[in-house]
Amino acid sequence: MALSGPNIYSEMSSMNEFAETTIGYDDGDFSSAKYVADISSSENLKVSLCDDRIGVEVCGGLKNVISLAAGYCEGLGLGYNTKAAVIRAGQHEIARFIESFGLGKPDTIFKSSAGVGDLILTLSAGRGRMLASAFTKDVLKSDEAMDSNGDSDKIKELSVQRWERLENELLNGMKLPDWHNAQEIYQALKHRGILHEFPLIDAIYKIGFQSQDPRSIIRSLSESIDISDKKR
C-alpha cells in the first residue's frame, strides 16, 4: 500500500482543520487498505482508496518535480495566473509520463486526492517550491553557475552545490527529494527518447542543472500546453 496527501502535518494537529489522503493499493490488498482507511478516518480526516498503488507512488514523486517549476515562477515574481498554468501543464505531463512508462492509470489517480489535490498543495505550500524560489533568486543575483567555461559537468556540479547550500540554509539540514527526482525523471525521458513531449520537465531540469535562464520556464509552459491541447 502507498499513502499520499494532500495534507500538511502542522495543520492536521488542529481539530478545526479538515484534510484528506489516499491509500493506493494493489489487487488483493483491498481488505487491508479498507481496514486502514476505516480506522484512520475521522470527522476531520477523510481517507479514500485508489486501486493503483504504483500510480499513486509515481504521481507523488512527479508532483515534487513539478513543484520546482512553481518555485522558479515565484522566484521570478510571477503570480497566480502563471501558477495555475504550471498546475495544468504539470498535471498533463505527469499523466503523459505515467502513460508512457505504463506505471499506472492517470484517470483514476487524478480523481483521487493523490492527484490534483496533492499537486495543488505541493505547488502552493511545498518546501520544494520554496527551495526552487530561493534557487531562482540566487541565480539571478549571481553568475556563479556561468563561471564554468561551458563545461557541462562543471555547470551541473556548481548547480548541485547551489541546491545543497540553499537546502542547508533554508531547511536546517532537511533533505528534499524534489531536485533529486528532477534529475532521475529527466534521464528516464531522455533515455526513452520522448523528452520533446515534456517541455516543462525539460526546462525544470535545464534551469536547475544546466544554467538555462529561469525565464525560459514561460516558454516551456506555452509549449507544454500546446502539446496537451493537441492530444485532446
Protein backbone atom coordinates (compact mmCIF):
# COMPACT_ATOMS: atom_id res chain seq x y z
CA MET A 1 0.00 0.00 0.00
CA ALA A 2 1.01 3.63 -0.51
CA LEU A 3 -0.24 6.71 1.33
CA SER A 4 -0.29 10.09 -0.39
CA GLY A 5 -1.54 13.60 0.52
CA PRO A 6 -2.61 16.34 0.27
CA ASN A 7 -2.01 17.28 3.86
CA ILE A 8 0.29 19.46 5.93
CA TYR A 9 1.10 17.78 9.22
CA SER A 10 1.19 21.02 11.21
CA GLU A 11 -2.40 21.76 10.18
CA MET A 12 -3.56 18.22 10.85
CA SER A 13 -2.81 18.68 14.55
CA SER A 14 -5.62 21.24 14.75
CA MET A 15 -9.12 19.97 15.45
CA ASN A 16 -10.52 22.83 13.35
CA GLU A 17 -8.83 21.77 10.10
CA PHE A 18 -10.01 19.23 7.53
CA ALA A 19 -7.69 17.09 5.43
CA GLU A 20 -7.89 14.17 3.07
CA THR A 21 -5.48 11.49 1.97
CA THR A 22 -5.45 8.49 -0.35
CA ILE A 23 -4.31 4.91 0.11
CA GLY A 24 -3.16 3.28 -3.11
CA TYR A 25 -3.45 -0.49 -3.09
CA ASP A 26 -2.68 -3.47 -5.33
CA ASP A 27 -5.01 -6.25 -6.42
CA GLY A 28 -5.66 -8.48 -3.44
CA ASP A 29 -4.96 -5.73 -0.89
CA PHE A 30 -8.39 -4.11 -0.85
CA SER A 31 -9.44 -5.54 2.53
CA SER A 32 -6.24 -4.39 4.23
CA ALA A 33 -6.45 -0.96 2.61
CA LYS A 34 -10.08 -0.55 3.64
CA TYR A 35 -9.26 -1.57 7.20
CA VAL A 36 -6.52 1.06 7.44
CA ALA A 37 -8.83 3.67 5.89
CA ASP A 38 -11.64 2.84 8.31
CA ILE A 39 -9.53 3.06 11.46
CA SER A 40 -7.75 6.22 10.26
CA SER A 41 -10.74 8.24 9.09
CA SER A 42 -12.36 10.77 11.37
CA GLU A 43 -14.63 13.80 11.18
CA ASN A 44 -11.60 15.89 10.18
CA LEU A 45 -9.67 13.36 8.07
CA LYS A 46 -11.10 11.65 5.02
CA VAL A 47 -9.10 8.62 3.88
CA SER A 48 -10.01 7.42 0.38
CA LEU A 49 -8.92 4.38 -1.62
CA CYS A 50 -7.35 4.13 -5.08
CA ASP A 51 -6.77 0.79 -6.81
CA ASP A 52 -3.45 1.93 -8.31
CA ARG A 53 -0.61 1.78 -5.79
CA ILE A 54 2.16 2.27 -8.35
CA GLY A 55 0.39 5.22 -9.91
CA VAL A 56 -0.10 6.86 -6.53
CA GLU A 57 3.62 6.47 -5.75
CA VAL A 58 4.76 7.75 -9.15
CA CYS A 59 2.40 10.72 -9.00
CA GLY A 60 3.80 11.56 -5.57
CA GLY A 61 7.33 11.66 -6.93
CA LEU A 62 6.46 13.61 -10.07
CA LYS A 63 4.47 16.34 -8.35
CA ASN A 64 7.61 17.13 -6.36
CA VAL A 65 9.43 17.72 -9.65
CA ILE A 66 6.66 20.00 -10.93
CA SER A 67 6.84 21.96 -7.66
CA LEU A 68 10.24 23.24 -8.79
CA ALA A 69 8.56 24.97 -11.75
CA ALA A 70 6.18 26.72 -9.35
CA GLY A 71 9.17 27.81 -7.30
CA TYR A 72 11.04 29.12 -10.31
CA CYS A 73 7.99 31.21 -11.18
CA GLU A 74 7.72 32.56 -7.64
CA GLY A 75 11.41 33.44 -7.70
CA LEU A 76 10.78 35.43 -10.87
CA GLY A 77 7.97 37.32 -9.13
CA LEU A 78 5.24 35.77 -11.28
CA GLY A 79 1.70 35.48 -9.96
CA TYR A 80 -1.26 33.18 -9.64
CA ASN A 81 -2.11 33.09 -13.35
CA THR A 82 1.27 31.56 -14.04
CA LYS A 83 0.97 29.13 -11.15
CA ALA A 84 -2.40 27.98 -12.47
CA ALA A 85 -0.73 27.28 -15.83
CA VAL A 86 2.03 25.32 -14.06
CA ILE A 87 -0.60 23.20 -12.30
CA ARG A 88 -2.40 22.44 -15.56
CA ALA A 89 0.75 21.74 -17.59
CA GLY A 90 2.22 19.74 -14.72
CA GLN A 91 -0.86 17.57 -14.41
CA HIS A 92 -0.77 16.73 -18.10
CA GLU A 93 2.95 15.94 -18.10
CA ILE A 94 2.54 13.69 -15.06
CA ALA A 95 -0.27 11.87 -16.84
CA ARG A 96 1.82 11.52 -20.02
CA PHE A 97 4.76 10.17 -18.03
CA ILE A 98 2.59 7.56 -16.31
CA GLU A 99 1.06 6.51 -19.64
CA SER A 100 4.40 6.46 -21.49
CA PHE A 101 6.03 4.17 -18.94
CA GLY A 102 2.93 2.09 -18.17
CA LEU A 103 3.12 2.95 -14.48
CA GLY A 104 -0.49 3.48 -13.59
CA LYS A 105 -3.91 4.78 -14.54
CA PRO A 106 -3.86 8.61 -14.73
CA ASP A 107 -7.63 8.99 -14.93
CA THR A 108 -8.05 7.02 -11.72
CA ILE A 109 -5.22 8.78 -9.89
CA PHE A 110 -6.32 12.31 -10.76
CA LYS A 111 -9.82 11.62 -9.47
CA SER A 112 -8.27 10.93 -6.06
CA SER A 113 -6.74 13.36 -3.59
CA ALA A 114 -3.33 11.93 -4.52
CA GLY A 115 -3.71 13.55 -7.94
CA VAL A 116 -4.91 17.11 -8.39
CA GLY A 117 -5.31 17.84 -4.69
CA ASP A 118 -1.76 16.86 -3.80
CA LEU A 119 -0.41 18.67 -6.85
CA ILE A 120 -2.15 21.92 -5.90
CA LEU A 121 -0.99 21.77 -2.29
CA THR A 122 2.61 20.92 -3.18
CA LEU A 123 2.84 23.72 -5.74
CA SER A 124 1.28 26.19 -3.30
CA ALA A 125 2.90 25.33 0.02
CA GLY A 126 5.56 22.67 -0.56
CA ARG A 127 9.15 23.01 0.60
CA GLY A 128 10.46 22.18 -2.87
CA ARG A 129 8.60 25.21 -4.24
CA MET A 130 10.20 27.39 -1.56
CA LEU A 131 13.65 25.98 -2.29
CA ALA A 132 13.27 26.49 -6.06
CA SER A 133 12.16 30.07 -5.49
CA ALA A 134 15.32 30.72 -3.48
CA PHE A 135 17.37 28.96 -6.16
CA THR A 136 15.98 31.28 -8.85
CA LYS A 137 16.66 34.41 -6.83
CA ASP A 138 20.19 33.20 -6.11
CA VAL A 139 20.82 32.51 -9.80
CA LEU A 140 19.53 35.92 -10.87
CA LYS A 141 21.83 37.78 -8.50
CA SER A 142 24.92 35.64 -9.17
CA ASP A 143 26.88 34.47 -12.21
CA GLU A 144 28.42 31.61 -10.24
CA ALA A 145 26.90 28.83 -12.37
CA MET A 146 28.07 30.54 -15.55
CA ASP A 147 31.70 30.63 -14.43
CA SER A 148 32.48 27.26 -15.95
CA ASN A 149 33.76 27.92 -19.49
CA GLY A 150 30.85 25.95 -20.96
CA ASP A 151 31.83 22.72 -19.18
CA SER A 152 28.51 20.90 -18.69
CA ASP A 153 29.87 18.70 -15.91
CA LYS A 154 31.19 21.74 -14.08
CA ILE A 155 27.90 23.57 -14.55
CA LYS A 156 25.99 20.65 -13.05
CA GLU A 157 28.47 20.39 -10.17
CA LEU A 158 28.04 24.08 -9.35
CA SER A 159 24.27 23.76 -9.62
CA VAL A 160 24.18 20.81 -7.24
CA GLN A 161 26.33 22.78 -4.80
CA ARG A 162 23.85 25.65 -5.00
CA TRP A 163 20.89 23.35 -4.28
CA GLU A 164 22.74 21.78 -1.34
CA ARG A 165 23.78 25.16 0.10
CA LEU A 166 20.25 26.58 -0.08
CA GLU A 167 18.82 23.37 1.35
CA ASN A 168 21.11 23.68 4.37
CA GLU A 169 20.41 27.38 4.80
CA LEU A 170 16.64 27.22 4.49
CA LEU A 171 15.71 23.78 5.77
CA ASN A 172 18.09 23.30 8.68
CA GLY A 173 19.68 20.22 7.13
CA MET A 174 16.45 18.61 5.93
CA LYS A 175 16.92 16.86 2.57
CA LEU A 176 14.25 17.10 -0.11
CA PRO A 177 13.63 14.59 -2.92
CA ASP A 178 12.33 17.22 -5.33
CA TRP A 179 15.52 18.35 -7.08
CA HIS A 180 16.98 14.84 -6.95
CA ASN A 181 13.83 13.45 -8.57
CA ALA A 182 14.13 16.01 -11.38
CA GLN A 183 17.48 14.56 -12.40
CA GLU A 184 16.17 10.98 -12.49
CA ILE A 185 12.99 11.84 -14.38
CA TYR A 186 14.91 13.87 -16.96
CA GLN A 187 17.32 11.00 -17.61
CA ALA A 188 14.46 8.49 -17.91
CA LEU A 189 12.71 10.63 -20.53
CA LYS A 190 15.95 11.27 -22.39
CA HIS A 191 16.78 7.55 -22.44
CA ARG A 192 13.29 6.72 -23.76
CA GLY A 193 13.68 9.37 -26.47
CA ILE A 194 10.50 11.25 -25.56
CA LEU A 195 11.91 14.33 -23.82
CA HIS A 196 10.40 16.55 -26.51
CA GLU A 197 6.94 15.60 -25.24
CA PHE A 198 7.74 17.04 -21.80
CA PRO A 199 8.88 20.65 -22.27
CA LEU A 200 8.06 21.65 -18.69
CA ILE A 201 10.11 18.85 -17.12
CA ASP A 202 12.87 19.54 -19.65
CA ALA A 203 13.00 23.19 -18.58
CA ILE A 204 12.84 22.29 -14.88
CA TYR A 205 15.98 20.20 -15.28
CA LYS A 206 17.89 22.59 -17.52
CA ILE A 207 17.20 25.58 -15.29
CA GLY A 208 18.22 23.60 -12.24
CA PHE A 209 21.31 21.86 -13.63
CA GLN A 210 22.40 23.39 -16.95
CA SER A 211 22.27 27.12 -16.19
CA GLN A 212 19.34 27.73 -18.50
CA ASP A 213 17.73 31.13 -17.92
CA PRO A 214 14.92 30.73 -15.33
CA ARG A 215 12.73 32.94 -17.52
CA SER A 216 12.62 30.10 -20.06
CA ILE A 217 10.02 28.44 -17.82
CA ILE A 218 7.42 30.68 -19.50
CA ARG A 219 8.19 29.33 -22.97
CA SER A 220 8.11 25.76 -21.67
CA LEU A 221 4.63 26.32 -20.23
CA SER A 222 3.32 27.50 -23.58
CA GLU A 223 4.93 24.55 -25.38
CA SER A 224 3.59 22.06 -22.83
CA ILE A 225 0.05 23.43 -23.07
CA ASP A 226 0.24 23.25 -26.90
CA ILE A 227 1.13 19.54 -26.69
CA SER A 228 -1.70 18.87 -24.25
CA ASP A 229 -4.25 20.68 -26.40
CA LYS A 230 -3.18 18.73 -29.50
CA LYS A 231 -3.57 15.41 -27.67
CA ARG A 232 -7.13 16.11 -26.54
